[in-house]
Amino acid sequence: MEIILVDPRSIVPTLCVLGSPVCRFEVIYSNEIILSVGPTDKLTQCEAPSWLKEAWDAIWNGEMPEVILGTTKRISDFAQKVYRIVREIPIGETKTYGEVAFLVGKPKGARAVGSILRSNPWPLFIPCHRVIGKSGKLLGYGGAQGIELKGRLLAYEADKCRNLYYPPSV
């Protein structure tokens, strides 16, 4: 995964609504750069370019595709570290905000981690739904469907993970 700073004048954003096992998502991209991802109630789906379709399918098959993520805003070094750690959380597993903070070298930075993940423009590609409260409670998932969507994503991944390791008998 690479996060790049893009000049807003150099992009022509394209919106694509893609289906998934948990809900529809709006993906905004330009060229082969993903600018944002978020749940949507829009019904119109689109024919995604092959690179996006492959990346999208990989996510729902339990893989983490190599993609380029783009932003028009500078991302701090701390946020980059948080995104890197969160991207490494395997499917079917979670970490707490405090654990992520510890791993990026700020043991008392759980709230800062939460703040960064709250504004994550690339959920699924940086799977912030895998970060939970220290008590195991689902916290801080933005978007229209919020905590309910976070729960559905984790349930889907837990089931997918079980099926990856224990495929149904034939």
Protein backbone atom coordinates (compact mmCIF):
# COMPACT_ATOMS: atom_id res chain seq x y z
CA MET A 1 0.00 0.00 0.00
CA GLU A 2 1.15 3.43 -0.84
CA ILE A 3 -0.47 6.70 0.23
CA ILE A 4 0.35 9.58 -2.06
CA LEU A 5 -0.36 13.29 -1.95
CA VAL A 6 -2.21 14.29 -5.11
CA ASP A 7 -2.72 17.71 -6.58
CA PRO A 8 -6.49 18.26 -6.75
CA ARG A 9 -6.04 19.93 -10.14
CA SER A 10 -4.49 16.77 -11.56
CA ILE A 11 -7.33 14.36 -10.77
CA VAL A 12 -10.61 13.62 -12.46
CA PRO A 13 -12.63 11.82 -9.78
CA THR A 14 -14.86 8.96 -10.84
CA LEU A 15 -17.53 7.59 -8.52
CA CYS A 16 -18.36 3.92 -8.55
CA VAL A 17 -20.87 2.12 -6.31
CA LEU A 18 -19.78 -1.44 -5.60
CA GLY A 19 -21.68 -4.20 -3.89
CA SER A 20 -20.33 -6.31 -1.06
CA PRO A 21 -21.56 -9.03 1.29
CA VAL A 22 -22.42 -6.39 3.93
CA CYS A 23 -23.64 -3.30 2.01
CA ARG A 24 -22.93 -1.09 -0.98
CA PHE A 25 -19.87 1.15 -0.96
CA GLU A 26 -19.09 4.29 -2.86
CA VAL A 27 -15.54 4.31 -4.20
CA ILE A 28 -14.08 7.50 -5.62
CA TYR A 29 -10.98 7.05 -7.71
CA SER A 30 -8.88 8.79 -10.33
CA ASN A 31 -6.68 6.87 -12.73
CA GLU A 32 -5.54 3.97 -10.52
CA ILE A 33 -5.62 5.94 -7.27
CA ILE A 34 -8.34 5.34 -4.66
CA LEU A 35 -9.37 8.68 -3.16
CA SER A 36 -12.12 7.55 -0.79
CA VAL A 37 -14.38 4.66 0.18
CA GLY A 38 -17.55 4.74 2.22
CA PRO A 39 -20.87 2.99 2.75
CA THR A 40 -23.71 4.33 0.66
CA ASP A 41 -27.43 3.93 0.12
CA LYS A 42 -27.04 4.76 -3.58
CA LEU A 43 -28.44 2.02 -5.76
CA THR A 44 -26.60 2.68 -9.00
CA GLN A 45 -23.71 0.32 -9.36
CA CYS A 46 -21.07 0.70 -12.03
CA GLU A 47 -18.70 -1.35 -14.06
CA ALA A 48 -15.48 -0.94 -12.15
CA PRO A 49 -12.19 -0.87 -14.04
CA SER A 50 -10.36 -4.20 -13.86
CA TRP A 51 -7.73 -3.00 -11.36
CA LEU A 52 -10.45 -1.84 -8.93
CA LYS A 53 -12.56 -4.95 -9.44
CA GLU A 54 -9.55 -7.16 -8.66
CA ALA A 55 -8.73 -5.15 -5.52
CA TRP A 56 -12.39 -5.17 -4.40
CA ASP A 57 -12.75 -8.91 -4.91
CA ALA A 58 -9.48 -9.51 -3.03
CA ILE A 59 -10.77 -7.66 0.03
CA TRP A 60 -13.93 -9.77 0.18
CA ASN A 61 -11.85 -12.92 -0.28
CA GLY A 62 -9.80 -12.13 2.83
CA GLU A 63 -6.77 -10.67 1.06
CA MET A 64 -5.20 -7.23 1.32
CA PRO A 65 -4.50 -5.94 -2.20
CA GLU A 66 -1.65 -3.62 -3.07
CA VAL A 67 -3.29 -0.38 -4.13
CA ILE A 68 -2.41 3.29 -4.31
CA LEU A 69 -4.40 5.49 -1.95
CA GLY A 70 -4.49 9.20 -2.67
CA THR A 71 -5.28 12.30 -0.68
CA THR A 72 -5.20 16.02 -1.28
CA LYS A 73 -4.28 16.67 2.37
CA ARG A 74 -0.89 16.07 3.97
CA ILE A 75 -0.89 13.10 6.33
CA SER A 76 1.27 13.31 9.46
CA ASP A 77 3.98 10.75 10.10
CA PHE A 78 2.01 9.53 13.12
CA ALA A 79 -1.10 8.97 10.97
CA GLN A 80 0.97 7.15 8.34
CA LYS A 81 2.28 4.82 11.07
CA VAL A 82 -1.24 4.23 12.39
CA TYR A 83 -2.49 3.40 8.89
CA ARG A 84 0.44 1.00 8.34
CA ILE A 85 -0.20 -0.86 11.62
CA VAL A 86 -3.96 -1.08 11.02
CA ARG A 87 -3.42 -2.35 7.48
CA GLU A 88 -1.36 -5.22 8.94
CA ILE A 89 -4.17 -6.48 11.22
CA PRO A 90 -5.12 -9.83 9.66
CA ILE A 91 -8.66 -10.69 8.68
CA GLY A 92 -10.57 -12.19 11.60
CA GLU A 93 -8.43 -10.39 14.18
CA THR A 94 -8.73 -7.11 16.06
CA LYS A 95 -6.51 -4.77 18.03
CA THR A 96 -7.52 -2.12 20.54
CA TYR A 97 -6.90 1.58 20.01
CA GLY A 98 -4.37 1.34 22.85
CA GLU A 99 -2.52 -1.56 21.22
CA VAL A 100 -2.24 0.37 17.96
CA ALA A 101 -0.99 3.42 19.87
CA PHE A 102 1.62 1.29 21.64
CA LEU A 103 2.77 -0.23 18.34
CA VAL A 104 3.31 3.20 16.79
CA GLY A 105 5.33 4.35 19.79
CA LYS A 106 2.71 6.46 21.60
CA PRO A 107 1.49 4.22 24.45
CA LYS A 108 -0.88 6.90 25.75
CA GLY A 109 -2.14 7.82 22.28
CA ALA A 110 -5.30 5.70 22.05
CA ARG A 111 -7.51 8.77 21.57
CA ALA A 112 -5.17 10.13 18.89
CA VAL A 113 -5.40 6.78 17.09
CA GLY A 114 -9.20 6.97 17.33
CA SER A 115 -9.18 10.47 15.90
CA ILE A 116 -7.04 9.40 12.95
CA LEU A 117 -9.16 6.35 12.22
CA ARG A 118 -12.37 8.35 12.54
CA SER A 119 -11.29 10.32 9.47
CA ASN A 120 -9.84 7.34 7.54
CA PRO A 121 -10.95 7.96 3.93
CA TRP A 122 -10.09 4.39 2.86
CA PRO A 123 -11.92 1.96 5.15
CA LEU A 124 -11.59 -1.65 4.01
CA PHE A 125 -8.25 -0.84 2.34
CA ILE A 126 -7.08 0.39 5.75
CA PRO A 127 -9.39 -1.82 7.83
CA CYS A 128 -10.13 0.49 10.76
CA HIS A 129 -13.18 -1.65 11.61
CA ARG A 130 -10.65 -4.11 13.09
CA VAL A 131 -9.77 -1.61 15.84
CA ILE A 132 -11.96 -1.83 18.93
CA GLY A 133 -12.21 -0.47 22.46
CA LYS A 134 -10.09 -2.01 25.24
CA SER A 135 -13.16 -3.67 26.74
CA GLY A 136 -13.92 -5.33 23.41
CA LYS A 137 -16.68 -2.83 22.68
CA LEU A 138 -17.18 -1.64 19.12
CA LEU A 139 -16.43 2.08 19.06
CA GLY A 140 -15.98 4.91 16.65
CA TYR A 141 -16.99 3.72 13.21
CA GLY A 142 -18.22 6.59 11.09
CA GLY A 143 -20.51 6.74 8.14
CA ALA A 144 -24.21 6.32 7.71
CA GLN A 145 -24.35 2.86 9.27
CA GLY A 146 -21.69 3.36 11.95
CA ILE A 147 -21.23 0.78 14.68
CA GLU A 148 -23.76 -1.59 13.10
CA LEU A 149 -21.67 -1.73 9.92
CA LYS A 150 -18.49 -2.27 11.94
CA GLY A 151 -20.17 -5.26 13.60
CA ARG A 152 -21.34 -6.67 10.27
CA LEU A 153 -17.85 -6.31 8.77
CA LEU A 154 -16.25 -8.09 11.74
CA ALA A 155 -18.87 -10.86 11.65
CA TYR A 156 -18.36 -11.33 7.90
CA GLU A 157 -14.58 -11.50 8.36
CA ALA A 158 -14.83 -13.93 11.27
CA ASP A 159 -17.01 -16.20 9.15
CA LYS A 160 -14.74 -15.79 6.12
CA CYS A 161 -11.72 -16.58 8.27
CA ARG A 162 -13.38 -19.73 9.61
CA ASN A 163 -14.15 -20.82 6.04
CA LEU A 164 -10.56 -20.11 4.92
CA TYR A 165 -9.19 -22.40 7.63
CA TYR A 166 -12.04 -24.89 7.86
CA PRO A 167 -13.66 -25.17 4.44
CA PRO A 168 -17.06 -26.86 4.43
CA SER A 169 -16.78 -30.58 3.81
CA VAL A 170 -17.80 -31.78 0.37
